[in-house]
Protein backbone atom coordinates (compact mmCIF):
# COMPACT_ATOMS: atom_id res chain seq x y z
CA MET A 1 -19.34 7.39 -39.85
CA THR A 2 -17.21 7.83 -42.93
CA VAL A 3 -17.11 4.54 -44.82
CA HIS A 4 -15.19 3.55 -47.94
CA ASP A 5 -16.43 0.16 -49.03
CA VAL A 6 -14.64 -1.82 -51.71
CA GLU A 7 -15.43 -5.11 -53.37
CA ARG A 8 -13.38 -7.97 -51.95
CA PRO A 9 -11.16 -5.87 -49.65
CA SER A 10 -7.71 -7.16 -48.71
CA ARG A 11 -7.79 -5.25 -45.42
CA VAL A 12 -10.28 -3.48 -43.20
CA VAL A 13 -8.92 -0.20 -41.84
CA LEU A 14 -10.38 1.17 -38.62
CA PHE A 15 -9.47 4.87 -38.55
CA ALA A 16 -9.51 6.70 -35.21
CA VAL A 17 -9.49 10.49 -35.37
CA GLY A 18 -7.98 12.76 -32.72
CA GLY A 19 -9.65 15.23 -30.38
CA GLY A 20 -11.12 17.31 -33.21
CA GLY A 21 -13.46 14.43 -34.01
CA ASP A 22 -13.71 14.83 -37.80
CA PRO A 23 -11.96 12.12 -39.86
CA GLY A 24 -12.65 14.23 -42.95
CA ARG A 25 -9.53 16.20 -42.03
CA HIS A 26 -7.59 13.06 -43.07
CA ALA A 27 -9.66 12.41 -46.21
CA PRO A 28 -6.77 11.98 -48.71
CA LEU A 29 -5.25 9.26 -46.51
CA LEU A 30 -8.58 7.45 -46.24
CA HIS A 31 -9.12 7.68 -50.01
CA ALA A 32 -5.61 6.37 -50.68
CA LEU A 33 -6.20 3.36 -48.46
CA ALA A 34 -9.47 2.62 -50.25
CA GLU A 35 -7.71 2.90 -53.62
CA ARG A 36 -5.23 0.26 -52.39
CA GLY A 37 -8.11 -2.15 -51.82
CA CYS A 38 -8.90 -1.48 -48.16
CA ALA A 39 -12.38 -1.10 -46.74
CA VAL A 40 -12.21 1.92 -44.43
CA VAL A 41 -14.47 2.89 -41.54
CA ALA A 42 -13.94 6.10 -39.54
CA PRO A 43 -16.39 7.12 -36.81
CA HIS A 44 -17.04 10.81 -36.20
CA PHE A 45 -16.93 12.26 -32.68
CA GLU A 46 -17.84 15.55 -31.07
CA ARG A 47 -14.90 17.90 -30.72
CA LEU A 48 -13.15 17.37 -27.39
CA ALA A 49 -13.83 20.45 -25.25
CA SER A 50 -10.94 19.83 -22.85
CA PRO A 51 -7.33 18.86 -23.62
CA VAL A 52 -7.75 16.07 -21.06
CA PRO A 53 -10.48 13.57 -22.03
CA SER A 54 -12.79 12.24 -19.34
CA ASP A 55 -13.02 8.55 -18.53
CA GLU A 56 -16.52 8.55 -20.03
CA HIS A 57 -15.21 10.03 -23.28
CA LEU A 58 -12.45 7.43 -23.58
CA LEU A 59 -14.83 4.56 -22.85
CA ALA A 60 -17.36 5.91 -25.36
CA ARG A 61 -14.67 6.17 -28.03
CA GLY A 62 -13.64 2.59 -27.47
CA ARG A 63 -17.25 1.39 -27.74
CA ARG A 64 -17.95 3.38 -30.90
CA LEU A 65 -14.78 2.23 -32.61
CA ARG A 66 -15.65 -1.39 -31.86
CA LEU A 67 -19.22 -0.93 -33.12
CA ALA A 68 -17.94 0.77 -36.27
CA LEU A 69 -15.63 -2.16 -36.89
CA ASP A 70 -18.51 -4.58 -36.33
CA SER A 71 -20.41 -2.88 -39.15
CA VAL A 72 -17.76 -3.59 -41.81
CA ALA A 73 -15.49 -6.36 -40.50
CA ARG A 74 -15.36 -9.69 -42.29
CA PRO A 75 -14.12 -12.87 -40.62
CA ASP A 76 -11.51 -13.61 -43.29
CA VAL A 77 -10.11 -10.06 -43.71
CA PRO A 78 -7.38 -8.68 -41.38
CA VAL A 79 -8.06 -5.44 -39.52
CA VAL A 80 -5.50 -2.64 -39.29
CA GLY A 81 -5.94 0.34 -36.98
CA VAL A 82 -4.79 3.77 -38.16
CA GLY A 83 -5.07 6.76 -35.85
CA HIS A 84 -3.90 10.22 -34.88
CA SER A 85 -3.30 11.62 -31.37
CA LEU A 86 -6.14 10.57 -29.05
CA GLY A 87 -7.36 8.19 -31.73
CA ALA A 88 -4.01 6.43 -31.54
CA THR A 89 -4.50 6.13 -27.78
CA THR A 90 -7.83 4.38 -28.22
CA LEU A 91 -6.45 2.02 -30.83
CA LEU A 92 -3.60 1.06 -28.50
CA ALA A 93 -6.22 0.21 -25.88
CA LEU A 94 -8.14 -1.92 -28.37
CA ALA A 95 -4.87 -3.69 -29.22
CA GLY A 96 -4.37 -4.67 -25.57
CA GLY A 97 -2.98 -1.58 -23.83
CA ASP A 98 -4.24 -0.65 -20.36
CA VAL A 99 -5.39 2.98 -20.14
CA TRP A 100 -4.71 4.44 -16.70
CA THR A 101 -6.35 7.75 -15.81
CA ARG A 102 -6.40 7.35 -12.03
CA PRO A 103 -5.14 4.98 -9.31
CA GLY A 104 -7.06 1.80 -8.75
CA GLY A 105 -7.05 0.17 -12.16
CA PRO A 106 -7.19 0.76 -15.92
CA LEU A 107 -10.32 1.73 -17.81
CA PRO A 108 -12.31 -1.30 -19.03
CA ILE A 109 -12.01 -0.47 -22.72
CA GLY A 110 -11.21 -4.06 -23.61
CA ARG A 111 -9.07 -5.72 -26.22
CA ASP A 112 -10.28 -6.42 -29.76
CA GLU A 113 -8.52 -9.50 -31.10
CA ARG A 114 -9.36 -8.59 -34.70
CA ILE A 115 -6.71 -5.84 -34.85
CA THR A 116 -3.52 -7.20 -36.42
CA ARG A 117 -1.34 -4.04 -36.67
CA LEU A 118 -1.39 -0.32 -35.92
CA ALA A 119 -0.22 2.80 -37.75
CA LEU A 120 -0.10 5.63 -35.23
CA MET A 121 0.57 9.32 -35.87
CA ALA A 122 1.54 11.58 -32.94
CA PRO A 123 0.18 9.10 -30.37
CA ALA A 124 -0.79 10.27 -26.89
CA THR A 125 0.83 7.65 -24.66
CA GLY A 126 0.75 9.23 -21.21
CA PHE A 127 -2.10 6.87 -20.33
CA PHE A 128 0.24 3.85 -20.68
CA GLU A 129 3.02 4.79 -18.26
CA ALA A 130 1.91 2.40 -15.51
CA PRO A 131 4.11 -0.70 -15.15
CA GLY A 132 2.91 -3.44 -17.47
CA ALA A 133 0.33 -1.23 -19.23
CA LEU A 134 1.60 -2.23 -22.68
CA ASP A 135 2.52 -5.84 -21.95
CA SER A 136 -0.47 -7.25 -23.85
CA VAL A 137 0.17 -5.26 -27.04
CA ARG A 138 1.53 -7.89 -29.45
CA VAL A 139 0.91 -6.36 -32.88
CA PRO A 140 3.43 -4.55 -35.12
CA LEU A 141 3.32 -0.75 -34.93
CA LEU A 142 4.27 1.99 -37.37
CA VAL A 143 4.74 5.16 -35.27
CA ARG A 144 5.37 8.64 -36.67
CA VAL A 145 5.80 11.84 -34.67
CA GLY A 146 7.19 15.31 -35.34
CA ASP A 147 10.12 16.82 -33.46
CA GLU A 148 8.20 20.13 -33.25
CA ASP A 149 5.16 18.47 -31.63
CA VAL A 150 4.40 20.18 -28.31
CA VAL A 151 1.07 18.34 -27.79
CA THR A 152 2.37 14.77 -27.90
CA PRO A 153 6.15 15.26 -28.09
CA PRO A 154 8.56 12.57 -29.34
CA ALA A 155 9.15 11.31 -25.80
CA GLN A 156 5.61 9.92 -25.80
CA ALA A 157 6.24 7.88 -28.94
CA ALA A 158 9.63 6.83 -27.56
CA LEU A 159 7.78 5.10 -24.71
CA LEU A 160 6.33 2.65 -27.23
CA LYS A 161 9.74 1.88 -28.70
CA ARG A 162 11.31 1.47 -25.27
CA VAL A 163 8.66 -0.93 -24.02
CA LEU A 164 7.69 -2.80 -27.19
CA GLY A 165 11.10 -2.87 -28.85
CA GLU A 166 11.38 -4.36 -32.34
CA ARG A 167 7.62 -4.44 -32.84
CA VAL A 168 7.74 -0.65 -33.22
CA ASP A 169 8.94 1.12 -36.37
CA LEU A 170 9.45 4.62 -34.97
CA ARG A 171 10.49 7.66 -36.96
CA VAL A 172 10.68 11.27 -35.81
CA ALA A 173 9.98 13.72 -38.64
CA ALA A 174 12.19 16.80 -38.60
CA GLY A 175 10.22 20.03 -38.50
CA ALA A 176 6.78 18.42 -38.17
CA GLY A 177 4.28 19.44 -35.53
CA HIS A 178 1.27 17.73 -34.02
CA PHE A 179 -1.13 18.90 -36.72
CA SER A 180 1.28 18.36 -39.62
CA PHE A 181 -0.18 14.84 -39.90
CA MET A 182 -3.61 16.26 -40.82
CA HIS A 183 -4.52 17.24 -44.37
CA VAL A 184 -6.88 19.89 -42.98
CA PRO A 185 -5.44 21.19 -39.69
CA PRO A 186 -7.37 23.47 -37.32
CA PRO A 187 -7.57 27.04 -38.64
CA HIS A 188 -5.59 28.60 -35.78
CA VAL A 189 -2.51 26.41 -36.30
CA THR A 190 0.72 27.75 -37.77
CA GLU A 191 2.37 25.01 -39.82
CA PRO A 192 6.08 24.55 -38.97
CA LEU A 193 6.93 22.56 -42.10
CA ALA A 194 8.29 24.36 -45.14
CA ASP A 195 6.77 21.80 -47.55
CA ARG A 196 3.78 20.26 -45.86
CA GLU A 197 2.33 18.76 -49.05
CA ALA A 198 5.49 16.76 -49.70
CA PHE A 199 5.49 15.55 -46.10
CA LEU A 200 1.87 14.40 -46.32
CA SER A 201 2.48 12.67 -49.64
CA GLY A 202 5.31 10.68 -48.08
CA LEU A 203 3.21 9.92 -45.00
CA VAL A 204 0.33 8.55 -47.07
CA SER A 205 2.74 6.32 -49.01
CA GLU A 206 4.31 5.03 -45.78
CA VAL A 207 0.98 4.25 -44.13
CA CYS A 208 -0.39 2.52 -47.24
CA ALA A 209 2.76 0.43 -47.56
CA PHE A 210 2.56 -0.60 -43.90
CA VAL A 211 -1.14 -1.43 -44.08
CA VAL A 212 -1.04 -3.35 -47.36
CA ASP A 213 2.43 -4.25 -48.66
CA ARG A 214 4.26 -5.00 -45.43
CA ALA A 215 1.25 -6.80 -43.99
CA GLU A 216 1.15 -9.05 -47.05
CA ALA A 217 4.87 -9.75 -46.75
CA HIS A 218 4.43 -10.66 -43.08
CA SER A 219 1.49 -12.90 -43.91
CA GLY A 220 3.48 -14.64 -46.63
CA ALA A 221 6.40 -15.24 -44.29
CA ARG A 222 4.10 -16.78 -41.69
CA THR A 223 2.51 -19.04 -44.29
CA SER A 224 5.88 -20.19 -45.61
CA HIS A 225 6.86 -21.29 -42.12
CA GLY A 226 3.87 -23.58 -41.79
CA ASP A 227 1.35 -21.19 -40.27
CA SER A 228 -2.19 -22.29 -41.00
CA GLN A 229 -3.44 -18.74 -41.56
CA THR A 230 -4.56 -18.22 -45.16
CA ARG A 231 -2.99 -15.26 -46.93
CA CYS A 232 -5.57 -12.73 -48.08
CA PRO A 233 -5.77 -11.89 -51.76
């Protein structure tokens, strides 16, 4: 696991990497979140050999993400999931989504009530096309996808907006591909963006604002309306 521990964190971030398995490819984002006062935990996985994950792989990812969260979570600190591609899929499952890979029923990944919001980059949502598969997802979502993404094209992210409505802040980035959201993309990838560094700088700022600033604003609004939940420092 990659862990960034901070003293008195305002948030715990559970980061879920995509099929490549190495969260170090997103290191600047993880560092930025830690600098904003978030404790960050990011499990490592073996590289996915097939473009289609097996049921066993998806179940194992769900278990390992939950165990990683157990190792750093604190009862009084909200948890935010941040993930890319297949990692976004697993986080959606932990937030209440039903993953369907075959007829007969969804995979028993199970919901984790500690997750309060999700920031998803290029999410793979084909697993959630069954009727009602996203009905139990109640958290706010920040969703970003590139219009040049041929792995998880914008239509997959649009499914979240169509089903979950106002809970989803969806933006399609012009010129961005699937791997544009990674600070260290696979070596064989040709980057479609003309200024990838500027894109990533903006992405990091957006994710940090969603995880910290907007979460605090939401918490304050709930408290001002009589909610008993204590706002985190």
